[in-house]
């Protein structure tokens, strides 16, 4: 091995180590307890479409076919926190649509009809 090769290989190794370290920093966030959280971008195109059923709430229909995590707010109803393990980050939420229109009531308060198209979309909070 000549002198130039002996100097070039360690330089390449240093560049690879630095580059790899920089890319890892961009996807991890250290916390006060030295725990590392990997941040995953939310896909804004995720949605779930369901067909309405006479005299059933949209939330009942969703729960019958998907794993749903909710938080109860007493008389106000339930807030959908996650669907099928997809829990929105602080910048997103599960929006509820009826026949392609944003609903003005919660999924637990809306009693559907068989002709309804119910959709839950992962959307950015604006």
N, C-alpha and C. Protein backbone atom coordinates (compact mmCIF):
# COMPACT_ATOMS: atom_id res chain seq x y z
N UNK A 1 0.85 -1.17 0.00
CA UNK A 1 0.00 0.00 0.00
C UNK A 1 0.91 1.24 0.00
N UNK A 2 0.64 2.17 -0.88
CA UNK A 2 1.49 3.36 -0.95
C UNK A 2 1.05 4.40 0.08
N UNK A 3 1.84 5.46 0.23
CA UNK A 3 1.62 6.49 1.25
C UNK A 3 0.29 7.22 1.03
N UNK A 4 -0.05 7.51 -0.22
CA UNK A 4 -1.31 8.21 -0.53
C UNK A 4 -2.52 7.37 -0.12
N UNK A 5 -2.48 6.07 -0.36
CA UNK A 5 -3.59 5.18 0.00
C UNK A 5 -3.75 5.11 1.52
N UNK A 6 -2.62 5.07 2.25
CA UNK A 6 -2.68 5.01 3.71
C UNK A 6 -3.29 6.26 4.29
N UNK A 7 -3.14 7.39 3.67
CA UNK A 7 -3.74 8.64 4.14
C UNK A 7 -5.19 8.78 3.68
N UNK A 8 -5.52 8.26 2.52
CA UNK A 8 -6.85 8.40 1.95
C UNK A 8 -7.90 7.56 2.69
N UNK A 9 -7.57 6.32 3.05
CA UNK A 9 -8.53 5.44 3.71
C UNK A 9 -9.01 5.99 5.06
N UNK A 10 -8.13 6.47 5.95
CA UNK A 10 -8.63 7.05 7.20
C UNK A 10 -9.50 8.29 6.95
N UNK A 11 -9.16 9.08 5.94
CA UNK A 11 -9.95 10.27 5.63
C UNK A 11 -11.36 9.88 5.18
N UNK A 12 -11.47 8.86 4.34
CA UNK A 12 -12.77 8.38 3.89
C UNK A 12 -13.57 7.85 5.07
N UNK A 13 -12.91 7.12 5.96
CA UNK A 13 -13.58 6.59 7.14
C UNK A 13 -14.14 7.69 8.02
N UNK A 14 -13.37 8.75 8.23
CA UNK A 14 -13.83 9.89 9.04
C UNK A 14 -15.04 10.55 8.39
N UNK A 15 -15.01 10.74 7.09
CA UNK A 15 -16.13 11.36 6.37
C UNK A 15 -17.39 10.50 6.51
N UNK A 16 -17.25 9.19 6.38
CA UNK A 16 -18.40 8.28 6.51
C UNK A 16 -18.97 8.35 7.93
N UNK A 17 -18.13 8.36 8.93
CA UNK A 17 -18.60 8.42 10.32
C UNK A 17 -19.31 9.74 10.58
N UNK A 18 -18.75 10.84 10.14
CA UNK A 18 -19.38 12.14 10.36
C UNK A 18 -20.71 12.23 9.62
N UNK A 19 -20.77 11.77 8.40
CA UNK A 19 -22.00 11.82 7.61
C UNK A 19 -23.09 10.97 8.24
N UNK A 20 -22.74 9.77 8.68
CA UNK A 20 -23.71 8.90 9.32
C UNK A 20 -24.21 9.52 10.61
N UNK A 21 -23.35 10.07 11.40
CA UNK A 21 -23.75 10.72 12.65
C UNK A 21 -24.68 11.89 12.42
N UNK A 22 -24.43 12.69 11.40
CA UNK A 22 -25.29 13.83 11.09
C UNK A 22 -26.67 13.38 10.66
N UNK A 23 -26.75 12.33 9.87
CA UNK A 23 -28.06 11.88 9.42
C UNK A 23 -28.87 11.29 10.56
N UNK A 24 -28.24 10.64 11.53
CA UNK A 24 -28.95 10.11 12.68
C UNK A 24 -29.50 11.23 13.55
N UNK A 25 -28.77 12.34 13.68
CA UNK A 25 -29.25 13.45 14.48
C UNK A 25 -30.51 14.06 13.90
N UNK A 26 -30.70 14.01 12.61
CA UNK A 26 -31.86 14.64 11.99
C UNK A 26 -33.15 13.85 12.22
N UNK A 27 -33.06 12.57 12.61
CA UNK A 27 -34.27 11.80 12.82
C UNK A 27 -34.50 11.42 14.28
N UNK A 28 -33.62 11.83 15.18
CA UNK A 28 -33.81 11.51 16.58
C UNK A 28 -33.82 12.78 17.41
N UNK A 29 -34.50 12.69 18.55
CA UNK A 29 -34.58 13.83 19.45
C UNK A 29 -34.22 13.35 20.85
N UNK A 30 -33.11 13.83 21.42
CA UNK A 30 -32.79 13.42 22.79
C UNK A 30 -33.72 14.13 23.78
N UNK A 31 -34.06 13.45 24.86
CA UNK A 31 -34.89 14.04 25.89
C UNK A 31 -34.06 14.20 27.15
N UNK A 32 -34.65 14.83 28.15
CA UNK A 32 -33.94 15.08 29.41
C UNK A 32 -33.50 13.78 30.09
N UNK A 33 -34.24 12.70 29.89
CA UNK A 33 -33.90 11.43 30.54
C UNK A 33 -32.99 10.57 29.67
N UNK A 34 -32.35 11.17 28.67
CA UNK A 34 -31.47 10.48 27.74
C UNK A 34 -32.20 9.44 26.90
N UNK A 35 -33.51 9.51 26.86
CA UNK A 35 -34.31 8.64 26.01
C UNK A 35 -34.31 9.24 24.61
N UNK A 36 -34.25 8.40 23.60
CA UNK A 36 -34.25 8.90 22.22
C UNK A 36 -35.59 8.57 21.59
N UNK A 37 -36.23 9.59 21.01
CA UNK A 37 -37.51 9.41 20.35
C UNK A 37 -37.30 9.60 18.86
N UNK A 38 -37.68 8.60 18.07
CA UNK A 38 -37.57 8.72 16.63
C UNK A 38 -38.85 9.37 16.13
N UNK A 39 -38.70 10.48 15.42
CA UNK A 39 -39.85 11.21 14.92
C UNK A 39 -40.25 10.66 13.56
N UNK A 40 -41.53 10.30 13.43
CA UNK A 40 -42.05 9.77 12.18
C UNK A 40 -42.98 10.81 11.57
N UNK A 41 -42.78 11.17 10.31
CA UNK A 41 -43.69 12.12 9.69
C UNK A 41 -45.08 11.51 9.52
N UNK A 42 -46.12 12.31 9.72
CA UNK A 42 -47.49 11.85 9.53
C UNK A 42 -47.85 11.92 8.05
N UNK A 43 -48.43 10.87 7.57
CA UNK A 43 -48.88 10.85 6.18
C UNK A 43 -50.25 11.52 6.12
N UNK A 44 -50.35 12.61 5.41
CA UNK A 44 -51.59 13.36 5.35
C UNK A 44 -52.64 12.70 4.47
N UNK A 45 -52.28 11.67 3.75
CA UNK A 45 -53.22 11.04 2.84
C UNK A 45 -53.91 9.83 3.45
N UNK A 46 -53.64 9.51 4.70
CA UNK A 46 -54.25 8.34 5.31
C UNK A 46 -55.73 8.62 5.57
N UNK A 47 -56.57 7.68 5.14
CA UNK A 47 -58.00 7.83 5.39
C UNK A 47 -58.64 6.45 5.45
N UNK A 48 -59.81 6.43 6.09
CA UNK A 48 -60.59 5.20 6.22
C UNK A 48 -62.00 5.54 5.78
N UNK A 49 -62.50 4.82 4.79
CA UNK A 49 -63.86 5.03 4.29
C UNK A 49 -64.73 3.85 4.72
N UNK A 50 -65.92 4.19 5.18
CA UNK A 50 -66.89 3.19 5.62
C UNK A 50 -68.25 3.52 5.04
N UNK A 51 -69.09 2.51 4.92
CA UNK A 51 -70.47 2.71 4.47
C UNK A 51 -71.35 2.82 5.71
N UNK A 52 -72.25 3.79 5.70
CA UNK A 52 -73.17 3.97 6.82
C UNK A 52 -74.09 2.78 7.00
N UNK A 53 -74.64 2.67 8.20
CA UNK A 53 -75.61 1.63 8.52
C UNK A 53 -76.75 2.29 9.26
N UNK A 54 -77.97 1.98 8.89
CA UNK A 54 -79.13 2.60 9.51
C UNK A 54 -79.10 2.45 11.03
N UNK A 55 -79.32 3.58 11.71
CA UNK A 55 -79.45 3.65 13.17
C UNK A 55 -78.20 3.27 13.97
N UNK A 56 -77.01 3.33 13.34
CA UNK A 56 -75.76 3.12 14.06
C UNK A 56 -74.94 4.39 13.96
N UNK A 57 -74.21 4.70 15.03
CA UNK A 57 -73.36 5.89 14.97
C UNK A 57 -72.12 5.59 14.14
N UNK A 58 -71.52 6.64 13.64
CA UNK A 58 -70.29 6.48 12.86
C UNK A 58 -69.20 5.84 13.71
N UNK A 59 -69.16 6.18 14.99
CA UNK A 59 -68.15 5.60 15.88
C UNK A 59 -68.40 4.11 16.09
N UNK A 60 -69.65 3.70 16.22
CA UNK A 60 -69.96 2.27 16.35
C UNK A 60 -69.51 1.50 15.11
N UNK A 61 -69.76 2.07 13.94
CA UNK A 61 -69.36 1.42 12.69
C UNK A 61 -67.84 1.32 12.60
N UNK A 62 -67.15 2.40 12.97
CA UNK A 62 -65.68 2.39 12.95
C UNK A 62 -65.14 1.35 13.91
N UNK A 63 -65.66 1.30 15.13
CA UNK A 63 -65.17 0.35 16.13
C UNK A 63 -65.44 -1.10 15.75
N UNK A 64 -66.47 -1.35 14.95
CA UNK A 64 -66.80 -2.71 14.54
C UNK A 64 -65.78 -3.28 13.55
N UNK A 65 -65.07 -2.41 12.84
CA UNK A 65 -64.15 -2.91 11.82
C UNK A 65 -62.70 -2.47 12.00
N UNK A 66 -62.42 -1.65 13.01
CA UNK A 66 -61.07 -1.16 13.25
C UNK A 66 -60.79 -1.09 14.74
N UNK A 67 -59.51 -1.12 15.08
CA UNK A 67 -59.09 -0.94 16.47
C UNK A 67 -59.04 0.57 16.72
N UNK A 68 -59.86 1.04 17.65
CA UNK A 68 -60.02 2.47 17.87
C UNK A 68 -59.71 2.80 19.33
N UNK A 69 -58.85 3.80 19.54
CA UNK A 69 -58.57 4.30 20.87
C UNK A 69 -59.24 5.66 21.03
N UNK A 70 -60.03 5.82 22.10
CA UNK A 70 -60.73 7.08 22.32
C UNK A 70 -60.47 7.61 23.73
N UNK A 71 -60.80 8.87 23.91
CA UNK A 71 -60.75 9.49 25.23
C UNK A 71 -62.14 10.04 25.49
N UNK A 72 -62.71 9.67 26.63
CA UNK A 72 -64.07 10.09 26.97
C UNK A 72 -64.07 11.50 27.56
N UNK A 73 -65.03 12.29 27.11
CA UNK A 73 -65.25 13.62 27.66
C UNK A 73 -66.66 13.71 28.23
N UNK A 74 -67.07 12.65 28.93
CA UNK A 74 -68.37 12.61 29.60
C UNK A 74 -69.53 12.82 28.65
N UNK A 75 -70.38 13.78 28.96
CA UNK A 75 -71.56 14.04 28.15
C UNK A 75 -71.23 14.55 26.75
N UNK A 76 -70.02 15.08 26.57
CA UNK A 76 -69.63 15.58 25.26
C UNK A 76 -69.29 14.44 24.28
N UNK A 77 -69.02 13.27 24.80
CA UNK A 77 -68.74 12.12 23.95
C UNK A 77 -67.28 11.71 23.96
N UNK A 78 -66.90 10.94 22.95
CA UNK A 78 -65.55 10.40 22.85
C UNK A 78 -64.76 11.10 21.75
N UNK A 79 -63.49 11.31 22.04
CA UNK A 79 -62.56 11.89 21.07
C UNK A 79 -61.69 10.76 20.54
N UNK A 80 -61.60 10.62 19.22
CA UNK A 80 -60.80 9.55 18.61
C UNK A 80 -59.33 9.94 18.70
N UNK A 81 -58.57 9.15 19.45
CA UNK A 81 -57.13 9.41 19.61
C UNK A 81 -56.29 8.61 18.62
N UNK A 82 -56.75 7.40 18.27
CA UNK A 82 -55.99 6.58 17.32
C UNK A 82 -56.89 5.57 16.63
N UNK A 83 -56.50 5.23 15.40
CA UNK A 83 -57.21 4.21 14.64
C UNK A 83 -56.16 3.24 14.10
N UNK A 84 -56.37 1.96 14.39
CA UNK A 84 -55.46 0.89 13.94
C UNK A 84 -54.01 1.19 14.30
N UNK A 85 -53.81 1.72 15.51
CA UNK A 85 -52.46 2.00 15.99
C UNK A 85 -51.85 3.28 15.45
N UNK A 86 -52.58 4.01 14.63
CA UNK A 86 -52.07 5.28 14.09
C UNK A 86 -52.56 6.40 14.99
N UNK A 87 -51.64 6.94 15.77
CA UNK A 87 -51.96 8.02 16.70
C UNK A 87 -51.31 9.29 16.16
N UNK A 88 -52.12 10.27 15.78
CA UNK A 88 -51.57 11.50 15.21
C UNK A 88 -50.61 12.20 16.18
N UNK A 89 -49.61 12.88 15.59
CA UNK A 89 -48.73 13.68 16.42
C UNK A 89 -49.44 14.98 16.79
N UNK A 90 -48.74 15.90 17.44
CA UNK A 90 -49.35 17.14 17.92
C UNK A 90 -49.83 18.05 16.79
N UNK A 91 -49.41 17.80 15.57
CA UNK A 91 -49.77 18.65 14.44
C UNK A 91 -50.90 18.06 13.58
N UNK A 92 -51.43 16.89 13.95
CA UNK A 92 -52.44 16.21 13.15
C UNK A 92 -53.58 15.71 14.02
N UNK A 93 -54.71 15.36 13.38
CA UNK A 93 -55.86 14.81 14.08
C UNK A 93 -56.67 13.96 13.10
N UNK A 94 -57.58 13.14 13.64
CA UNK A 94 -58.48 12.35 12.81
C UNK A 94 -59.72 13.19 12.55
N UNK A 95 -59.87 13.67 11.32
CA UNK A 95 -61.04 14.45 10.92
C UNK A 95 -62.15 13.48 10.51
N UNK A 96 -63.41 13.89 10.72
CA UNK A 96 -64.58 13.05 10.46
C UNK A 96 -65.44 13.71 9.38
N UNK A 97 -65.71 12.94 8.31
CA UNK A 97 -66.50 13.44 7.17
C UNK A 97 -67.71 12.54 6.92
N UNK A 98 -68.80 13.17 6.51
CA UNK A 98 -70.01 12.46 6.11
C UNK A 98 -70.32 12.90 4.69
N UNK A 99 -70.36 11.95 3.78
CA UNK A 99 -70.66 12.25 2.37
C UNK A 99 -69.78 13.38 1.83
N UNK A 100 -68.48 13.28 2.10
CA UNK A 100 -67.46 14.24 1.64
C UNK A 100 -67.59 15.63 2.24
N UNK A 101 -68.36 15.79 3.31
CA UNK A 101 -68.50 17.07 4.01
C UNK A 101 -67.99 16.90 5.44
N UNK A 102 -67.21 17.89 5.89
CA UNK A 102 -66.73 17.86 7.28
C UNK A 102 -67.93 17.89 8.22
N UNK A 103 -67.92 17.02 9.20
CA UNK A 103 -69.05 16.93 10.13
C UNK A 103 -68.96 18.02 11.19
N UNK A 104 -70.13 18.50 11.63
CA UNK A 104 -70.15 19.48 12.71
C UNK A 104 -70.53 18.83 14.04
N UNK A 105 -70.62 17.48 14.06
CA UNK A 105 -70.83 16.72 15.29
C UNK A 105 -69.78 15.62 15.35
N UNK A 106 -69.60 15.06 16.52
CA UNK A 106 -68.64 13.98 16.68
C UNK A 106 -69.15 12.67 16.10
N UNK A 107 -68.24 11.74 15.87
CA UNK A 107 -68.58 10.45 15.28
C UNK A 107 -69.54 9.66 16.17
N UNK A 108 -69.48 9.85 17.47
CA UNK A 108 -70.38 9.17 18.40
C UNK A 108 -71.76 9.78 18.46
N UNK A 109 -71.91 11.00 17.98
CA UNK A 109 -73.21 11.67 17.99
C UNK A 109 -73.94 11.54 16.65
N UNK A 110 -73.22 11.17 15.59
CA UNK A 110 -73.85 11.11 14.28
C UNK A 110 -74.45 9.73 14.05
N UNK A 111 -75.79 9.67 13.89
CA UNK A 111 -76.47 8.43 13.56
C UNK A 111 -76.56 8.34 12.05
N UNK A 112 -75.97 7.30 11.51
CA UNK A 112 -75.83 7.19 10.05
C UNK A 112 -77.05 6.57 9.38
N UNK A 113 -77.04 6.69 8.06
CA UNK A 113 -78.02 6.05 7.19
C UNK A 113 -77.23 5.11 6.27
N UNK A 114 -77.88 4.12 5.73
CA UNK A 114 -77.21 3.15 4.86
C UNK A 114 -76.61 3.82 3.62
N UNK A 115 -77.12 4.96 3.23
CA UNK A 115 -76.63 5.65 2.04
C UNK A 115 -75.41 6.54 2.32
N UNK A 116 -75.01 6.68 3.58
CA UNK A 116 -73.89 7.56 3.95
C UNK A 116 -72.54 6.95 3.60
N UNK A 117 -71.62 7.81 3.22
CA UNK A 117 -70.21 7.45 3.11
C UNK A 117 -69.53 8.17 4.27
N UNK A 118 -68.95 7.39 5.15
CA UNK A 118 -68.28 7.92 6.34
C UNK A 118 -66.79 7.83 6.11
N UNK A 119 -66.08 8.90 6.43
CA UNK A 119 -64.63 8.89 6.21
C UNK A 119 -63.92 9.55 7.39
N UNK A 120 -62.82 8.93 7.79
CA UNK A 120 -61.94 9.47 8.80
C UNK A 120 -60.60 9.74 8.11
N UNK A 121 -60.15 11.00 8.14
CA UNK A 121 -58.92 11.38 7.46
C UNK A 121 -57.93 11.94 8.46
N UNK A 122 -56.68 11.54 8.30
CA UNK A 122 -55.61 12.10 9.11
C UNK A 122 -55.23 13.44 8.47
N UNK A 123 -55.49 14.53 9.19
CA UNK A 123 -55.27 15.87 8.64
C UNK A 123 -54.42 16.72 9.57
N UNK A 124 -53.81 17.74 8.97
CA UNK A 124 -52.98 18.67 9.71
C UNK A 124 -53.87 19.70 10.40
N UNK A 125 -53.55 20.03 11.64
CA UNK A 125 -54.26 21.07 12.38
C UNK A 125 -53.84 22.41 11.78
N UNK A 126 -54.81 23.23 11.45
CA UNK A 126 -54.51 24.53 10.83
C UNK A 126 -54.90 25.67 11.73
